[in-house]
Amino acid sequence: MPDTTDAEGLTVGQVSARLDVTVRALHHWDEIGLARPSLRTPAGYRLYTVPDLERLHRIVVYRELGLGLDKIRSVLDDSATDVPAALRAQRAQIAARIDRLRQLAAGLDRMID
């Protein structure tokens, strides 16, 4: 497959490397309509544009925060979704997990001593 330039769009492999996600994840997100590439080559290969990359970047960030794909879709696409509230709720869950991990680390420290 010929290499494409940023002006034409990025291939799945290029996007995968840039965003540190698997090609399979990109294909899956396309299949479920979460992140569809805007362009296709004449041979049918996916090409991602700058706006596509911006959406993909947000998906990756939300996924890293622990949001499921359905919640990510809601945050990105549903104008009725209160995005700050959803992110605050996710932050609270992360904070609680950090507290649990700190307690676990303290327990391990006591066991080591």
C-alpha atoms as a PDB file:
ATOM      1  CA  MET A   1       0.000   0.000   0.000  1.00  0.00           C
ATOM      2  CA  PRO A   2       1.510   3.360  -0.941  1.00  0.00           C
ATOM      3  CA  ASP A   3       2.347   5.806   1.814  1.00  0.00           C
ATOM      4  CA  THR A   4       0.040   8.808   2.017  1.00  0.00           C
ATOM      5  CA  THR A   5       0.862  12.297   3.163  1.00  0.00           C
ATOM      6  CA  ASP A   6      -0.856  14.155   5.990  1.00  0.00           C
ATOM      7  CA  ALA A   7      -2.571  16.369   3.388  1.00  0.00           C
ATOM      8  CA  GLU A   8      -4.326  13.343   1.879  1.00  0.00           C
ATOM      9  CA  GLY A   9      -5.105  11.718   5.197  1.00  0.00           C
ATOM     10  CA  LEU A  10      -3.384   9.191   7.387  1.00  0.00           C
ATOM     11  CA  THR A  11      -3.630   5.443   6.983  1.00  0.00           C
ATOM     12  CA  VAL A  12      -4.822   3.167   9.769  1.00  0.00           C
ATOM     13  CA  GLY A  13      -1.222   2.146  10.451  1.00  0.00           C
ATOM     14  CA  GLN A  14      -0.073   5.746  10.716  1.00  0.00           C
ATOM     15  CA  VAL A  15      -2.934   6.652  13.060  1.00  0.00           C
ATOM     16  CA  SER A  16      -2.313   3.532  15.112  1.00  0.00           C
ATOM     17  CA  ALA A  17       1.317   4.529  15.615  1.00  0.00           C
ATOM     18  CA  ARG A  18       0.497   8.181  16.372  1.00  0.00           C
ATOM     19  CA  LEU A  19      -2.187   7.451  18.943  1.00  0.00           C
ATOM     20  CA  ASP A  20      -0.709   4.226  20.326  1.00  0.00           C
ATOM     21  CA  VAL A  21      -3.847   2.200  19.662  1.00  0.00           C
ATOM     22  CA  THR A  22      -4.170  -1.021  17.756  1.00  0.00           C
ATOM     23  CA  VAL A  23      -5.283  -1.202  14.164  1.00  0.00           C
ATOM     24  CA  ARG A  24      -7.964  -3.602  15.370  1.00  0.00           C
ATOM     25  CA  ALA A  25      -9.321  -0.945  17.768  1.00  0.00           C
ATOM     26  CA  LEU A  26      -9.517   1.570  14.922  1.00  0.00           C
ATOM     27  CA  HIS A  27     -11.306  -0.966  12.730  1.00  0.00           C
ATOM     28  CA  HIS A  28     -13.713  -1.770  15.570  1.00  0.00           C
ATOM     29  CA  TRP A  29     -14.464   1.900  16.238  1.00  0.00           C
ATOM     30  CA  ASP A  30     -15.185   2.309  12.529  1.00  0.00           C
ATOM     31  CA  GLU A  31     -17.434  -0.771  12.468  1.00  0.00           C
ATOM     32  CA  ILE A  32     -19.517   0.455  15.424  1.00  0.00           C
ATOM     33  CA  GLY A  33     -19.668   4.008  14.077  1.00  0.00           C
ATOM     34  CA  LEU A  34     -17.715   5.587  16.931  1.00  0.00           C
ATOM     35  CA  ALA A  35     -14.929   6.928  14.734  1.00  0.00           C
ATOM     36  CA  ARG A  36     -15.311   6.587  11.009  1.00  0.00           C
ATOM     37  CA  PRO A  37     -12.594   7.829   8.680  1.00  0.00           C
ATOM     38  CA  SER A  38     -13.678  10.637   6.393  1.00  0.00           C
ATOM     39  CA  LEU A  39     -11.843   9.323   3.355  1.00  0.00           C
ATOM     40  CA  ARG A  40     -11.179   6.072   1.532  1.00  0.00           C
ATOM     41  CA  THR A  41      -8.610   5.331  -1.114  1.00  0.00           C
ATOM     42  CA  PRO A  42      -9.802   3.977  -4.469  1.00  0.00           C
ATOM     43  CA  ALA A  43      -8.785   0.558  -3.127  1.00  0.00           C
ATOM     44  CA  GLY A  44     -11.006   1.047  -0.062  1.00  0.00           C
ATOM     45  CA  TYR A  45      -8.308   1.749   2.533  1.00  0.00           C
ATOM     46  CA  ARG A  46      -9.323   4.040   5.380  1.00  0.00           C
ATOM     47  CA  LEU A  47      -7.806   7.536   5.494  1.00  0.00           C
ATOM     48  CA  TYR A  48      -8.164   9.753   8.553  1.00  0.00           C
ATOM     49  CA  THR A  49      -8.274  13.544   8.302  1.00  0.00           C
ATOM     50  CA  VAL A  50      -7.298  16.120  10.936  1.00  0.00           C
ATOM     51  CA  PRO A  51     -10.869  16.313  12.341  1.00  0.00           C
ATOM     52  CA  ASP A  52     -10.918  12.498  12.455  1.00  0.00           C
ATOM     53  CA  LEU A  53      -7.664  12.536  14.437  1.00  0.00           C
ATOM     54  CA  GLU A  54      -9.084  15.090  16.873  1.00  0.00           C
ATOM     55  CA  ARG A  55     -12.065  12.834  17.550  1.00  0.00           C
ATOM     56  CA  LEU A  56      -9.826   9.786  17.870  1.00  0.00           C
ATOM     57  CA  HIS A  57      -7.590  11.613  20.317  1.00  0.00           C
ATOM     58  CA  ARG A  58     -10.600  12.432  22.493  1.00  0.00           C
ATOM     59  CA  ILE A  59     -11.708   8.799  22.336  1.00  0.00           C
ATOM     60  CA  VAL A  60      -8.265   7.649  23.458  1.00  0.00           C
ATOM     61  CA  VAL A  61      -8.259  10.145  26.351  1.00  0.00           C
ATOM     62  CA  TYR A  62     -11.755   9.160  27.482  1.00  0.00           C
ATOM     63  CA  ARG A  63     -10.856   5.488  27.199  1.00  0.00           C
ATOM     64  CA  GLU A  64      -7.760   6.086  29.336  1.00  0.00           C
ATOM     65  CA  LEU A  65     -10.041   7.705  31.914  1.00  0.00           C
ATOM     66  CA  GLY A  66     -12.002   4.470  32.033  1.00  0.00           C
ATOM     67  CA  LEU A  67     -15.124   5.442  30.106  1.00  0.00           C
ATOM     68  CA  GLY A  68     -16.783   2.663  28.132  1.00  0.00           C
ATOM     69  CA  LEU A  69     -17.354   3.043  24.409  1.00  0.00           C
ATOM     70  CA  ASP A  70     -21.083   3.722  24.833  1.00  0.00           C
ATOM     71  CA  LYS A  71     -20.352   6.503  27.343  1.00  0.00           C
ATOM     72  CA  ILE A  72     -17.663   7.913  25.042  1.00  0.00           C
ATOM     73  CA  ARG A  73     -20.170   7.993  22.189  1.00  0.00           C
ATOM     74  CA  SER A  74     -22.633   9.809  24.446  1.00  0.00           C
ATOM     75  CA  VAL A  75     -20.036  12.350  25.558  1.00  0.00           C
ATOM     76  CA  LEU A  76     -18.943  13.019  21.980  1.00  0.00           C
ATOM     77  CA  ASP A  77     -22.268  12.901  20.151  1.00  0.00           C
ATOM     78  CA  ASP A  78     -25.162  13.620  22.523  1.00  0.00           C
ATOM     79  CA  SER A  79     -25.642  17.363  22.936  1.00  0.00           C
ATOM     80  CA  ALA A  80     -27.813  16.653  26.001  1.00  0.00           C
ATOM     81  CA  THR A  81     -24.917  14.948  27.794  1.00  0.00           C
ATOM     82  CA  ASP A  82     -23.420  17.054  30.563  1.00  0.00           C
ATOM     83  CA  VAL A  83     -19.771  16.456  29.665  1.00  0.00           C
ATOM     84  CA  PRO A  84     -18.292  18.225  32.716  1.00  0.00           C
ATOM     85  CA  ALA A  85     -20.570  16.195  35.012  1.00  0.00           C
ATOM     86  CA  ALA A  86     -19.591  12.950  33.296  1.00  0.00           C
ATOM     87  CA  LEU A  87     -15.912  13.822  33.624  1.00  0.00           C
ATOM     88  CA  ARG A  88     -16.330  14.854  37.274  1.00  0.00           C
ATOM     89  CA  ALA A  89     -17.969  11.505  38.008  1.00  0.00           C
ATOM     90  CA  GLN A  90     -15.115   9.690  36.282  1.00  0.00           C
ATOM     91  CA  ARG A  91     -12.600  11.794  38.237  1.00  0.00           C
ATOM     92  CA  ALA A  92     -14.301  10.809  41.486  1.00  0.00           C
ATOM     93  CA  GLN A  93     -14.042   7.127  40.545  1.00  0.00           C
ATOM     94  CA  ILE A  94     -10.354   7.547  39.724  1.00  0.00           C
ATOM     95  CA  ALA A  95      -9.737   9.382  43.022  1.00  0.00           C
ATOM     96  CA  ALA A  96     -11.426   6.555  44.936  1.00  0.00           C
ATOM     97  CA  ARG A  97      -9.290   4.001  43.112  1.00  0.00           C
ATOM     98  CA  ILE A  98      -6.137   5.981  43.899  1.00  0.00           C
ATOM     99  CA  ASP A  99      -7.123   5.980  47.580  1.00  0.00           C
ATOM    100  CA  ARG A 100      -7.634   2.202  47.491  1.00  0.00           C
ATOM    101  CA  LEU A 101      -4.269   1.719  45.792  1.00  0.00           C
ATOM    102  CA  ARG A 102      -2.549   3.932  48.380  1.00  0.00           C
ATOM    103  CA  GLN A 103      -4.088   1.842  51.143  1.00  0.00           C
ATOM    104  CA  LEU A 104      -2.924  -1.301  49.400  1.00  0.00           C
ATOM    105  CA  ALA A 105       0.591   0.125  49.053  1.00  0.00           C
ATOM    106  CA  ALA A 106       0.638   1.047  52.758  1.00  0.00           C
ATOM    107  CA  GLY A 107      -0.465  -2.489  53.624  1.00  0.00           C
ATOM    108  CA  LEU A 108       2.308  -3.915  51.464  1.00  0.00           C
ATOM    109  CA  ASP A 109       4.834  -1.630  53.140  1.00  0.00           C
ATOM    110  CA  ARG A 110       3.724  -2.935  56.539  1.00  0.00           C
ATOM    111  CA  MET A 111       4.035  -6.527  55.319  1.00  0.00           C
ATOM    112  CA  ILE A 112       7.526  -5.848  53.963  1.00  0.00           C
ATOM    113  CA  ASP A 113       8.623  -4.334  57.284  1.00  0.00           C
END
